[in-house]
């Protein structure tokens, strides 16, 4: 399994990891792995959201004549069904 070494880690960050590890009954390495895994999942979701927004903007740029309906129009359309 790969190893990771972090140099010049801020003492406050290290202390926070130690406290979290003790609270969760984990080693420092296990707690760091949990934190990294959690952060990467958030980054992946943020990345997907940014790509979706970029796609929407590209549609609006490429097709300026295409107008998205307002919420009022969508509600009216739904009620008329």
C-alpha atoms as a PDB file:
ATOM      1  CA  UNK A   1       0.000   0.000   0.000  1.00  0.00           C
ATOM      2  CA  UNK A   2       1.373   3.460  -0.839  1.00  0.00           C
ATOM      3  CA  UNK A   3       2.657   5.743   1.897  1.00  0.00           C
ATOM      4  CA  UNK A   4       2.327   9.504   2.158  1.00  0.00           C
ATOM      5  CA  UNK A   5       4.689  11.819   3.980  1.00  0.00           C
ATOM      6  CA  UNK A   6       3.767  15.421   4.635  1.00  0.00           C
ATOM      7  CA  UNK A   7       6.505  17.855   5.520  1.00  0.00           C
ATOM      8  CA  UNK A   8       6.065  21.188   7.266  1.00  0.00           C
ATOM      9  CA  UNK A   9       2.542  20.329   8.406  1.00  0.00           C
ATOM     10  CA  UNK A  10       1.049  23.089  10.503  1.00  0.00           C
ATOM     11  CA  UNK A  11       1.059  22.085  14.173  1.00  0.00           C
ATOM     12  CA  UNK A  12      -2.594  23.097  14.551  1.00  0.00           C
ATOM     13  CA  UNK A  13      -3.664  20.746  11.776  1.00  0.00           C
ATOM     14  CA  UNK A  14      -1.682  17.900  13.302  1.00  0.00           C
ATOM     15  CA  UNK A  15      -3.168  18.551  16.742  1.00  0.00           C
ATOM     16  CA  UNK A  16      -6.682  18.575  15.274  1.00  0.00           C
ATOM     17  CA  UNK A  17      -6.090  15.230  13.571  1.00  0.00           C
ATOM     18  CA  UNK A  18      -4.771  13.773  16.832  1.00  0.00           C
ATOM     19  CA  UNK A  19      -7.867  14.947  18.730  1.00  0.00           C
ATOM     20  CA  UNK A  20     -10.234  13.588  16.057  1.00  0.00           C
ATOM     21  CA  UNK A  21      -8.354  10.288  15.977  1.00  0.00           C
ATOM     22  CA  UNK A  22      -8.671   9.895  19.746  1.00  0.00           C
ATOM     23  CA  UNK A  23     -12.386  10.737  19.625  1.00  0.00           C
ATOM     24  CA  UNK A  24     -12.981   8.144  16.905  1.00  0.00           C
ATOM     25  CA  UNK A  25     -10.618   5.526  18.406  1.00  0.00           C
ATOM     26  CA  UNK A  26      -8.464   5.535  15.286  1.00  0.00           C
ATOM     27  CA  UNK A  27      -4.791   5.876  14.630  1.00  0.00           C
ATOM     28  CA  UNK A  28      -3.541   9.156  13.208  1.00  0.00           C
ATOM     29  CA  UNK A  29      -2.963   7.433   9.859  1.00  0.00           C
ATOM     30  CA  UNK A  30      -6.502   6.003   9.819  1.00  0.00           C
ATOM     31  CA  UNK A  31      -8.023   9.364  10.735  1.00  0.00           C
ATOM     32  CA  UNK A  32      -6.002  11.147   8.061  1.00  0.00           C
ATOM     33  CA  UNK A  33      -7.191   8.600   5.492  1.00  0.00           C
ATOM     34  CA  UNK A  34     -10.812   9.166   6.541  1.00  0.00           C
ATOM     35  CA  UNK A  35     -10.400  12.940   6.276  1.00  0.00           C
ATOM     36  CA  UNK A  36      -8.757  12.736   2.852  1.00  0.00           C
ATOM     37  CA  UNK A  37     -11.388  10.338   1.545  1.00  0.00           C
ATOM     38  CA  UNK A  38     -14.150  12.656   2.785  1.00  0.00           C
ATOM     39  CA  UNK A  39     -12.510  15.748   1.264  1.00  0.00           C
ATOM     40  CA  UNK A  40     -12.023  14.042  -2.093  1.00  0.00           C
ATOM     41  CA  UNK A  41     -15.677  13.026  -2.265  1.00  0.00           C
ATOM     42  CA  UNK A  42     -16.671  16.634  -1.685  1.00  0.00           C
ATOM     43  CA  UNK A  43     -14.231  17.792  -4.351  1.00  0.00           C
ATOM     44  CA  UNK A  44     -15.636  15.246  -6.800  1.00  0.00           C
ATOM     45  CA  UNK A  45     -19.188  16.511  -6.211  1.00  0.00           C
ATOM     46  CA  UNK A  46     -18.050  20.108  -6.591  1.00  0.00           C
ATOM     47  CA  UNK A  47     -16.255  19.162  -9.822  1.00  0.00           C
ATOM     48  CA  UNK A  48     -19.434  17.550 -11.195  1.00  0.00           C
ATOM     49  CA  UNK A  49     -21.476  20.611 -10.266  1.00  0.00           C
ATOM     50  CA  UNK A  50     -19.019  22.966 -11.950  1.00  0.00           C
ATOM     51  CA  UNK A  51     -19.073  20.850 -15.114  1.00  0.00           C
ATOM     52  CA  UNK A  52     -22.869  20.900 -15.134  1.00  0.00           C
ATOM     53  CA  UNK A  53     -22.915  24.677 -14.766  1.00  0.00           C
ATOM     54  CA  UNK A  54     -20.327  25.042 -17.515  1.00  0.00           C
ATOM     55  CA  UNK A  55     -22.498  22.888 -19.812  1.00  0.00           C
ATOM     56  CA  UNK A  56     -25.533  25.066 -19.103  1.00  0.00           C
ATOM     57  CA  UNK A  57     -23.557  28.216 -19.858  1.00  0.00           C
ATOM     58  CA  UNK A  58     -22.288  26.697 -23.116  1.00  0.00           C
ATOM     59  CA  UNK A  59     -25.848  25.893 -24.175  1.00  0.00           C
ATOM     60  CA  UNK A  60     -26.863  29.486 -23.507  1.00  0.00           C
ATOM     61  CA  UNK A  61     -23.889  30.818 -25.489  1.00  0.00           C
ATOM     62  CA  UNK A  62     -24.298  28.441 -28.463  1.00  0.00           C
ATOM     63  CA  UNK A  63     -28.053  28.795 -28.601  1.00  0.00           C
ATOM     64  CA  UNK A  64     -28.890  32.340 -27.523  1.00  0.00           C
ATOM     65  CA  UNK A  65     -32.339  32.097 -29.117  1.00  0.00           C
ATOM     66  CA  UNK A  66     -33.170  29.206 -26.802  1.00  0.00           C
ATOM     67  CA  UNK A  67     -34.793  30.649 -23.719  1.00  0.00           C
ATOM     68  CA  UNK A  68     -35.318  28.685 -20.562  1.00  0.00           C
ATOM     69  CA  UNK A  69     -38.850  28.970 -19.170  1.00  0.00           C
ATOM     70  CA  UNK A  70     -39.446  30.920 -15.974  1.00  0.00           C
ATOM     71  CA  UNK A  71     -40.715  29.164 -12.880  1.00  0.00           C
ATOM     72  CA  UNK A  72     -44.081  30.820 -13.409  1.00  0.00           C
ATOM     73  CA  UNK A  73     -44.328  29.405 -16.938  1.00  0.00           C
ATOM     74  CA  UNK A  74     -43.399  25.929 -15.710  1.00  0.00           C
ATOM     75  CA  UNK A  75     -46.013  26.014 -12.957  1.00  0.00           C
ATOM     76  CA  UNK A  76     -48.687  27.260 -15.379  1.00  0.00           C
ATOM     77  CA  UNK A  77     -47.791  24.520 -17.860  1.00  0.00           C
ATOM     78  CA  UNK A  78     -48.002  21.900 -15.123  1.00  0.00           C
ATOM     79  CA  UNK A  79     -51.386  23.144 -13.938  1.00  0.00           C
ATOM     80  CA  UNK A  80     -52.788  23.119 -17.474  1.00  0.00           C
ATOM     81  CA  UNK A  81     -52.138  19.405 -17.894  1.00  0.00           C
END
